[in-house]
Structure formats: C-alpha cells, structure tokens
Amino acid sequence: MEPVRRIVDGRRADTVQRLLTAALNEVRSVPYSDLTVRSVAKRAEVSPATAYTYFSSKEHLVCGILWQQLQDLPAPPATPRRSPSAALAAAVHGVTDVFTKEPELSRACTIALLTDDPEVRRLRDQIGTALLRRAGDAIGPMPTAARETFAMAFIGALVLAGTGYMTFEDLPGRLGKVTDLLLADTRRRAKDPKRRDS
C-alpha cells in the first residue's frame, strides 16, 4: 500500500516520490522541530496544498519515508542450518541498517511514530506488521504467546534504540537472545504438558 491517503499512480506517484525525497533531505538538514510540511513542499517544488493532499502532517511524511525504506529492503539471505537467533540477526540487520545509516531519520521516527494521527496509526500498523513478518520468517513457527512476547520485545528494543538507551547495532544480538529464551521455553513446554498452561 502507498504511504498516502489515496492510491496514486502516474504523475501523482511522481509527486509523492518528490515529497518523500524532499522530506528525507529536510530531515537530514534541519532539526525535527523546524521540519514542516510547507518546508518539504518548498524543497519538492510543489504547493503546500498539494503536499497536504497526500500527507496529513510532518509525522505522516516521516513515517512515509520509513515505510518506503523498509519496503525497499531485500529479503535476508537464506542460509541453511542457521540457528534461529542467527537467522533473526540476519533478518533484523537490514532493518537496523536503515536506522544506523540515517541517524536523523531514526530520531525523527522515534517521535513521529508515537503521534496520534490516524494516517500515522495506519502506517505504524503496516510498519509493525512488516517488521514482525520479516522477523517471524527468520524464526519460523512459534506459539502465539511466544510470538506476542517477541513482538513486544522487538518494538520495545526499537524504542530503546531510538531513544538512545541502546544502539541499533546491538539490536540484532539482543533480539537473538530473546529468541533463544522463547524457543527454549517453547521446547520445555512441549516436553512437559503440565507447563503448557502455566
């Protein structure tokens, strides 16, 4: 799905791309507090009214950049006989690269993703689903409770990295440890029926 309020093609798709490119350049150039839809529109050489046709707020623009970059990520390499934690680290590495290569974008996203804008909420859900699908494909089948626990750990780790409490480079290794613990617990529960409901 497009990161905008309507599906676009042709010339309108080009306008959306110009706005996203201008928004990324603006994020790199000015403090987040100075970023506005109008300043992005000026950089993209479109009218503010045109920019607001596609993006409801600067937060929506920033989330649109992130969504596009995540959509452009190649699939992680398939390596046989890789442990779940190693496979997860490889899958998450591409995601963390987006943030480590664009520190200004990572800081902007940490703020923008928390905004209570309906368009941001929709994109936040799509981003979360895409990230968890990428991680889930690497880990393989897991019980629902383990997947939910992993999802919370993944999202929490992104927030911690985005706010500077850990680095994005540390994120794959930390999540690998969480995965090992969850999978070990899943195996124990499978062997001991009494533990399944505890």
Protein backbone atom coordinates (compact mmCIF):
# COMPACT_ATOMS: atom_id res chain seq x y z
CA MET A 1 0.00 0.00 0.00
CA GLU A 2 1.07 3.55 -0.64
CA PRO A 3 2.04 5.66 2.39
CA VAL A 4 -0.60 8.23 1.48
CA ARG A 5 -4.31 8.79 1.88
CA ARG A 6 -5.12 7.59 -1.61
CA ILE A 7 -3.60 5.12 -4.02
CA VAL A 8 -1.74 7.09 -6.66
CA ASP A 9 -0.14 6.38 -9.99
CA GLY A 10 1.40 8.22 -12.90
CA ARG A 11 2.14 11.89 -12.30
CA ARG A 12 0.68 11.82 -8.79
CA ALA A 13 3.03 8.97 -7.84
CA ASP A 14 5.91 11.12 -9.05
CA THR A 15 4.69 13.97 -6.82
CA VAL A 16 4.54 11.63 -3.81
CA GLN A 17 8.08 10.44 -4.53
CA ARG A 18 9.33 14.02 -4.84
CA LEU A 19 7.76 14.82 -1.47
CA LEU A 20 9.29 11.76 0.21
CA THR A 21 12.73 12.55 -1.25
CA ALA A 22 12.42 16.19 -0.18
CA ALA A 23 11.26 15.12 3.29
CA LEU A 24 14.30 12.88 3.74
CA ASN A 25 16.62 15.70 2.67
CA GLU A 26 14.82 18.06 5.02
CA VAL A 27 15.14 15.59 7.92
CA ARG A 28 18.88 15.42 7.25
CA SER A 29 19.21 19.21 7.09
CA VAL A 30 17.11 20.76 9.86
CA PRO A 31 16.15 19.94 13.46
CA TYR A 32 12.94 17.94 13.69
CA SER A 33 11.23 20.87 15.42
CA ASP A 34 11.87 23.02 12.30
CA LEU A 35 10.54 20.43 9.85
CA THR A 36 7.16 21.31 8.36
CA VAL A 37 5.00 20.07 5.51
CA ARG A 38 5.40 23.56 3.97
CA SER A 39 9.21 23.39 4.09
CA VAL A 40 9.14 19.95 2.47
CA ALA A 41 6.71 21.19 -0.19
CA LYS A 42 9.01 24.11 -0.96
CA ARG A 43 12.00 21.78 -1.30
CA ALA A 44 9.95 19.47 -3.56
CA GLU A 45 8.78 22.48 -5.60
CA VAL A 46 5.09 21.75 -5.07
CA SER A 47 2.43 23.82 -3.36
CA PRO A 48 1.65 23.20 0.33
CA ALA A 49 -1.92 22.35 -0.68
CA THR A 50 -0.60 19.61 -2.95
CA ALA A 51 1.61 18.23 -0.18
CA TYR A 52 -1.34 18.13 2.23
CA THR A 53 -3.36 16.25 -0.39
CA TYR A 54 -1.05 13.27 0.17
CA PHE A 55 0.37 13.73 3.66
CA SER A 56 -1.66 14.83 6.67
CA SER A 57 1.28 16.01 8.80
CA LYS A 58 5.06 16.08 9.05
CA GLU A 59 4.81 12.92 11.17
CA HIS A 60 2.96 11.22 8.32
CA LEU A 61 5.73 12.29 5.93
CA VAL A 62 8.46 10.93 8.21
CA CYS A 63 6.63 7.62 8.63
CA GLY A 64 6.19 7.52 4.86
CA ILE A 65 9.97 7.73 4.42
CA LEU A 66 10.49 4.86 6.84
CA TRP A 67 7.77 2.75 5.20
CA GLN A 68 9.35 3.25 1.77
CA GLN A 69 12.83 2.35 3.01
CA LEU A 70 11.57 -0.80 4.70
CA GLN A 71 9.67 -1.77 1.54
CA ASP A 72 12.91 -1.42 -0.44
CA LEU A 73 14.88 -3.80 1.81
CA PRO A 74 15.99 -7.01 0.10
CA ALA A 75 14.94 -10.29 1.67
CA PRO A 76 17.56 -11.64 4.10
CA PRO A 77 19.83 -14.30 2.57
CA ALA A 78 18.63 -17.87 3.04
CA THR A 79 21.35 -19.85 4.79
CA PRO A 80 20.64 -23.50 5.66
CA ARG A 81 21.39 -24.86 9.14
CA ARG A 82 21.45 -21.42 10.69
CA SER A 83 20.28 -21.20 14.30
CA PRO A 84 17.05 -19.22 14.87
CA SER A 85 18.92 -16.45 16.67
CA ALA A 86 21.49 -16.17 13.85
CA ALA A 87 18.73 -16.18 11.23
CA LEU A 88 16.90 -13.48 13.16
CA ALA A 89 20.05 -11.37 13.44
CA ALA A 90 20.48 -11.54 9.66
CA ALA A 91 16.84 -10.60 9.09
CA VAL A 92 16.93 -7.69 11.54
CA HIS A 93 20.30 -6.43 10.31
CA GLY A 94 18.77 -4.88 7.22
CA VAL A 95 16.21 -3.06 9.36
CA THR A 96 18.80 -1.72 11.77
CA ASP A 97 20.93 -0.55 8.83
CA VAL A 98 18.10 1.81 7.83
CA PHE A 99 18.35 3.48 11.24
CA THR A 100 22.13 3.44 11.68
CA LYS A 101 22.75 4.92 8.21
CA GLU A 102 20.19 7.67 8.77
CA PRO A 103 20.55 8.82 12.41
CA GLU A 104 18.46 11.96 11.84
CA LEU A 105 15.68 9.82 10.38
CA SER A 106 15.83 7.40 13.31
CA ARG A 107 15.43 10.29 15.77
CA ALA A 108 12.57 11.76 13.74
CA CYS A 109 10.84 8.36 13.51
CA THR A 110 11.04 7.85 17.27
CA ILE A 111 8.90 10.97 17.68
CA ALA A 112 6.71 10.63 14.59
CA LEU A 113 5.66 7.01 15.17
CA LEU A 114 4.17 7.90 18.56
CA THR A 115 1.85 10.58 17.15
CA ASP A 116 -1.90 10.04 17.42
CA ASP A 117 -2.60 10.88 13.77
CA PRO A 118 -4.94 8.38 12.01
CA GLU A 119 -2.62 8.23 8.99
CA VAL A 120 0.40 7.65 11.23
CA ARG A 121 -1.51 4.94 13.13
CA ARG A 122 -2.26 3.17 9.85
CA LEU A 123 1.34 3.35 8.70
CA ARG A 124 2.62 2.37 12.17
CA ASP A 125 0.50 -0.79 11.98
CA GLN A 126 1.80 -1.57 8.49
CA ILE A 127 5.40 -0.95 9.56
CA GLY A 128 4.98 -3.12 12.66
CA THR A 129 3.39 -5.92 10.65
CA ALA A 130 6.16 -5.81 8.05
CA LEU A 131 8.91 -5.86 10.70
CA LEU A 132 7.34 -8.73 12.60
CA ARG A 133 6.73 -10.70 9.41
CA ARG A 134 10.39 -10.30 8.47
CA ALA A 135 11.46 -11.47 11.92
CA GLY A 136 8.86 -14.24 12.02
CA ASP A 137 10.00 -15.61 8.67
CA ALA A 138 13.51 -15.94 10.12
CA ILE A 139 12.47 -17.54 13.41
CA GLY A 140 9.95 -19.99 11.98
CA PRO A 141 6.81 -21.34 13.67
CA MET A 142 6.25 -20.22 17.26
CA PRO A 143 3.27 -20.50 19.59
CA THR A 144 1.04 -17.43 19.74
CA ALA A 145 2.18 -16.43 23.24
CA ALA A 146 5.84 -16.62 22.20
CA ARG A 147 5.16 -14.54 19.06
CA GLU A 148 3.34 -11.89 21.11
CA THR A 149 6.21 -11.79 23.60
CA PHE A 150 8.71 -11.45 20.78
CA ALA A 151 6.65 -8.67 19.18
CA MET A 152 6.70 -6.69 22.44
CA ALA A 153 10.46 -7.26 22.79
CA PHE A 154 11.07 -6.18 19.18
CA ILE A 155 9.02 -2.99 19.46
CA GLY A 156 10.49 -2.21 22.88
CA ALA A 157 14.02 -2.67 21.52
CA LEU A 158 13.30 -0.27 18.65
CA VAL A 159 12.03 2.35 21.12
CA LEU A 160 15.07 1.86 23.39
CA ALA A 161 17.44 2.21 20.44
CA GLY A 162 15.56 5.20 19.08
CA THR A 163 15.80 6.99 22.42
CA GLY A 164 19.50 6.21 22.88
CA TYR A 165 19.33 3.58 25.64
CA MET A 166 20.99 1.06 23.33
CA THR A 167 22.41 1.18 19.83
CA PHE A 168 20.72 -0.11 16.69
CA GLU A 169 23.85 -2.19 16.09
CA ASP A 170 23.15 -4.02 19.38
CA LEU A 171 19.56 -4.76 18.48
CA PRO A 172 20.01 -7.98 16.41
CA GLY A 173 22.12 -9.64 19.12
CA ARG A 174 19.76 -8.64 21.92
CA LEU A 175 16.74 -9.92 20.00
CA GLY A 176 18.62 -13.14 19.23
CA LYS A 177 18.97 -13.77 22.97
CA VAL A 178 15.25 -13.15 23.47
CA THR A 179 14.52 -15.60 20.66
CA ASP A 180 16.74 -18.28 22.20
CA LEU A 181 14.94 -17.91 25.54
CA LEU A 182 11.49 -18.07 23.94
CA LEU A 183 12.35 -21.11 21.83
CA ALA A 184 13.94 -22.90 24.79
CA ASP A 185 10.78 -22.24 26.84
CA THR A 186 8.62 -23.46 23.93
CA ARG A 187 10.61 -26.73 23.76
CA ARG A 188 10.32 -27.23 27.54
CA ARG A 189 6.56 -26.70 27.40
CA ALA A 190 6.25 -29.16 24.51
CA LYS A 191 8.05 -31.84 26.54
CA ASP A 192 6.13 -31.17 29.78
CA PRO A 193 2.34 -30.92 29.28
CA LYS A 194 1.91 -29.60 32.84
CA ARG A 195 3.83 -26.44 31.89
CA ARG A 196 1.72 -25.61 28.84
CA ASP A 197 -0.94 -23.72 30.75
CA SER A 198 1.36 -22.15 33.32
